[in-house]
Amino acid sequence: MTRYDKIAQMKPEQKNHWIDIPELTFWGERIFAEIGVAEELSKSENGKYDALIDQAVDCLYDAFCQEHVLSDSICEKAEQYLLPLSPKAKAYTLHHVAHAHIDMDWMWGLHETVDIVLNTFRTILDLMDEYPEFTFSQSQCAVYRIAEFYDPALFARLKNV
């Protein structure tokens, strides 16, 4: 069984499980995110970290097969296998850029679309005021036209960001 098969059996969002799996805790979410990052780091170095990743996954999988749950302590234990990757992972800078896709052809009318567009922009601008490092991307030019037509003051704020 591959590492990916084992992971698929342990994750609650996967379908057709032979048992009910409870939602992952903070530590469960964390360890699977760390495994994902570790896999990308390993790929970039021709599989250099694959053995460590397999050890972490095996630690989780063995416990899961016995308990049918991933306890926080098991997730923390699995994380220990990935610690040697920490300096490599910390050498990267990750950029998160928020984006809102507004499906203007969905099942609502123009008035709802206008409301959603304006509320989205207001929320984003409020977040940008509160968190100056926050970055947002909007690629639909039609939503800017809506803001310009229905709320010129809001549109002026958008132009100055």
Protein backbone atom coordinates (compact mmCIF):
# COMPACT_ATOMS: atom_id res chain seq x y z
CA MET A 1 0.00 0.00 0.00
CA THR A 2 1.38 3.41 -0.93
CA ARG A 3 1.70 6.40 1.37
CA TYR A 4 -1.15 8.03 -0.54
CA ASP A 5 -3.44 5.04 -0.02
CA LYS A 6 -2.74 5.17 3.72
CA ILE A 7 -3.42 8.90 3.89
CA ALA A 8 -6.67 8.49 1.95
CA GLN A 9 -7.91 5.91 4.47
CA MET A 10 -7.19 8.21 7.42
CA LYS A 11 -8.80 11.39 6.15
CA PRO A 12 -12.48 11.91 7.03
CA GLU A 13 -13.37 13.74 3.83
CA GLN A 14 -12.57 10.68 1.74
CA LYS A 15 -15.60 8.70 0.58
CA ASN A 16 -16.48 5.01 0.96
CA HIS A 17 -14.75 4.39 4.25
CA TRP A 18 -15.22 1.08 5.94
CA ILE A 19 -15.60 2.94 9.25
CA ASP A 20 -16.84 6.33 10.36
CA ILE A 21 -13.92 8.66 10.91
CA PRO A 22 -14.29 11.62 13.26
CA GLU A 23 -13.27 15.08 12.09
CA LEU A 24 -9.59 15.83 12.42
CA THR A 25 -8.43 17.88 15.38
CA PHE A 26 -6.06 20.81 15.06
CA TRP A 27 -3.14 18.37 15.32
CA GLY A 28 -4.65 16.10 12.68
CA GLU A 29 -5.07 18.97 10.23
CA ARG A 30 -1.58 20.18 11.07
CA ILE A 31 0.19 16.87 10.47
CA PHE A 32 -1.47 16.30 7.09
CA ALA A 33 -0.57 19.86 6.04
CA GLU A 34 3.01 19.24 7.15
CA ILE A 35 3.12 15.99 5.21
CA GLY A 36 1.93 17.86 2.12
CA VAL A 37 4.68 20.47 2.49
CA ALA A 38 7.25 17.75 3.17
CA GLU A 39 6.22 15.95 -0.02
CA GLU A 40 6.76 19.09 -2.07
CA LEU A 41 10.15 19.68 -0.45
CA SER A 42 11.12 16.08 -1.11
CA LYS A 43 10.04 16.33 -4.76
CA SER A 44 12.20 19.43 -5.18
CA GLU A 45 15.19 17.41 -3.94
CA ASN A 46 14.58 14.19 -5.90
CA GLY A 47 12.94 12.27 -3.05
CA LYS A 48 15.52 13.16 -0.42
CA TYR A 49 12.94 13.18 2.39
CA ASP A 50 10.68 10.35 1.26
CA ALA A 51 11.89 7.97 3.98
CA LEU A 52 11.08 10.51 6.70
CA ILE A 53 7.65 11.13 5.22
CA ASP A 54 6.97 7.40 5.03
CA GLN A 55 7.95 7.04 8.70
CA ALA A 56 5.53 9.81 9.70
CA VAL A 57 2.70 8.32 7.63
CA ASP A 58 3.42 4.80 8.94
CA CYS A 59 3.33 6.12 12.52
CA LEU A 60 -0.11 7.63 11.86
CA TYR A 61 -1.41 4.67 9.90
CA ASP A 62 -0.36 2.06 12.46
CA ALA A 63 -2.10 3.97 15.24
CA PHE A 64 -5.14 4.58 13.04
CA CYS A 65 -5.49 0.88 12.24
CA GLN A 66 -5.51 0.06 15.95
CA GLU A 67 -7.60 2.96 17.30
CA HIS A 68 -9.61 4.11 14.25
CA VAL A 69 -8.77 7.65 15.26
CA LEU A 70 -5.77 9.95 15.09
CA SER A 71 -5.11 11.23 18.59
CA ASP A 72 -3.25 14.47 19.14
CA SER A 73 -0.37 12.59 20.75
CA ILE A 74 0.05 10.34 17.70
CA CYS A 75 -0.02 13.36 15.38
CA GLU A 76 2.63 15.06 17.53
CA LYS A 77 4.71 11.88 17.46
CA ALA A 78 4.47 11.69 13.66
CA GLU A 79 5.52 15.32 13.46
CA GLN A 80 8.81 14.41 15.12
CA TYR A 81 9.78 12.39 12.03
CA LEU A 82 9.43 15.54 9.91
CA LEU A 83 11.49 17.84 12.14
CA PRO A 84 14.68 17.45 10.06
CA LEU A 85 12.83 19.22 7.22
CA SER A 86 12.13 22.29 9.35
CA PRO A 87 15.18 24.37 8.30
CA LYS A 88 14.48 23.63 4.63
CA ALA A 89 10.79 24.58 4.96
CA LYS A 90 11.64 27.79 6.84
CA ALA A 91 13.93 28.87 4.01
CA TYR A 92 10.84 29.55 1.87
CA THR A 93 8.55 32.55 1.95
CA LEU A 94 4.90 31.76 1.41
CA HIS A 95 2.60 34.39 -0.06
CA HIS A 96 -1.12 34.04 0.53
CA VAL A 97 -3.22 36.24 -1.71
CA ALA A 98 -6.95 36.32 -1.11
CA HIS A 99 -9.27 36.21 -4.10
CA ALA A 100 -13.06 36.33 -4.33
CA HIS A 101 -14.70 34.69 -7.31
CA ILE A 102 -18.17 36.12 -7.67
CA ASP A 103 -20.27 33.98 -9.99
CA MET A 104 -22.46 36.69 -11.48
CA ASP A 105 -24.36 34.26 -13.70
CA TRP A 106 -25.43 32.06 -10.83
CA MET A 107 -28.99 31.80 -9.53
CA TRP A 108 -29.42 35.32 -8.22
CA GLY A 109 -30.63 38.54 -9.78
CA LEU A 110 -28.74 41.73 -10.49
CA HIS A 111 -29.65 43.32 -7.15
CA GLU A 112 -28.16 40.35 -5.26
CA THR A 113 -25.04 40.40 -7.43
CA VAL A 114 -24.56 44.11 -6.75
CA ASP A 115 -25.03 43.54 -3.01
CA ILE A 116 -22.51 40.68 -2.96
CA VAL A 117 -19.95 42.65 -4.97
CA LEU A 118 -20.20 45.74 -2.79
CA ASN A 119 -20.19 43.76 0.47
CA THR A 120 -17.18 41.74 -0.69
CA PHE A 121 -15.21 44.88 -1.51
CA ARG A 122 -16.21 46.55 1.77
CA THR A 123 -15.11 43.49 3.73
CA ILE A 124 -11.82 43.29 1.86
CA LEU A 125 -11.08 46.99 2.34
CA ASP A 126 -11.88 46.68 6.06
CA LEU A 127 -9.46 43.75 6.30
CA MET A 128 -6.81 45.72 4.44
CA ASP A 129 -7.27 48.61 6.89
CA GLU A 130 -6.95 46.24 9.84
CA TYR A 131 -4.07 44.24 8.38
CA PRO A 132 -1.86 46.42 6.16
CA GLU A 133 0.08 43.38 4.90
CA PHE A 134 -3.16 41.73 3.65
CA THR A 135 -3.23 41.26 -0.12
CA PHE A 136 -6.28 40.75 -2.29
CA SER A 137 -6.71 39.95 -5.97
CA GLN A 138 -9.84 40.44 -8.04
CA SER A 139 -9.72 39.49 -11.71
CA GLN A 140 -13.31 40.18 -12.81
CA CYS A 141 -13.45 43.62 -14.38
CA ALA A 142 -17.28 43.61 -14.30
CA VAL A 143 -17.27 43.78 -10.50
CA TYR A 144 -15.21 46.97 -10.64
CA ARG A 145 -17.77 48.41 -13.02
CA ILE A 146 -20.53 47.54 -10.53
CA ALA A 147 -18.62 49.28 -7.74
CA GLU A 148 -17.99 52.32 -9.94
CA PHE A 149 -21.68 52.62 -10.89
CA TYR A 150 -23.41 51.71 -7.60
CA ASP A 151 -20.94 53.05 -5.01
CA PRO A 152 -18.50 55.63 -6.43
CA ALA A 153 -16.96 56.31 -2.99
CA LEU A 154 -16.18 52.62 -2.56
CA PHE A 155 -14.74 52.53 -6.07
CA ALA A 156 -12.51 55.50 -5.22
CA ARG A 157 -11.20 53.59 -2.19
CA LEU A 158 -10.50 50.57 -4.39
CA LYS A 159 -8.50 52.70 -6.83
CA ASN A 160 -6.30 53.97 -3.99
CA VAL A 161 -5.33 50.56 -2.61
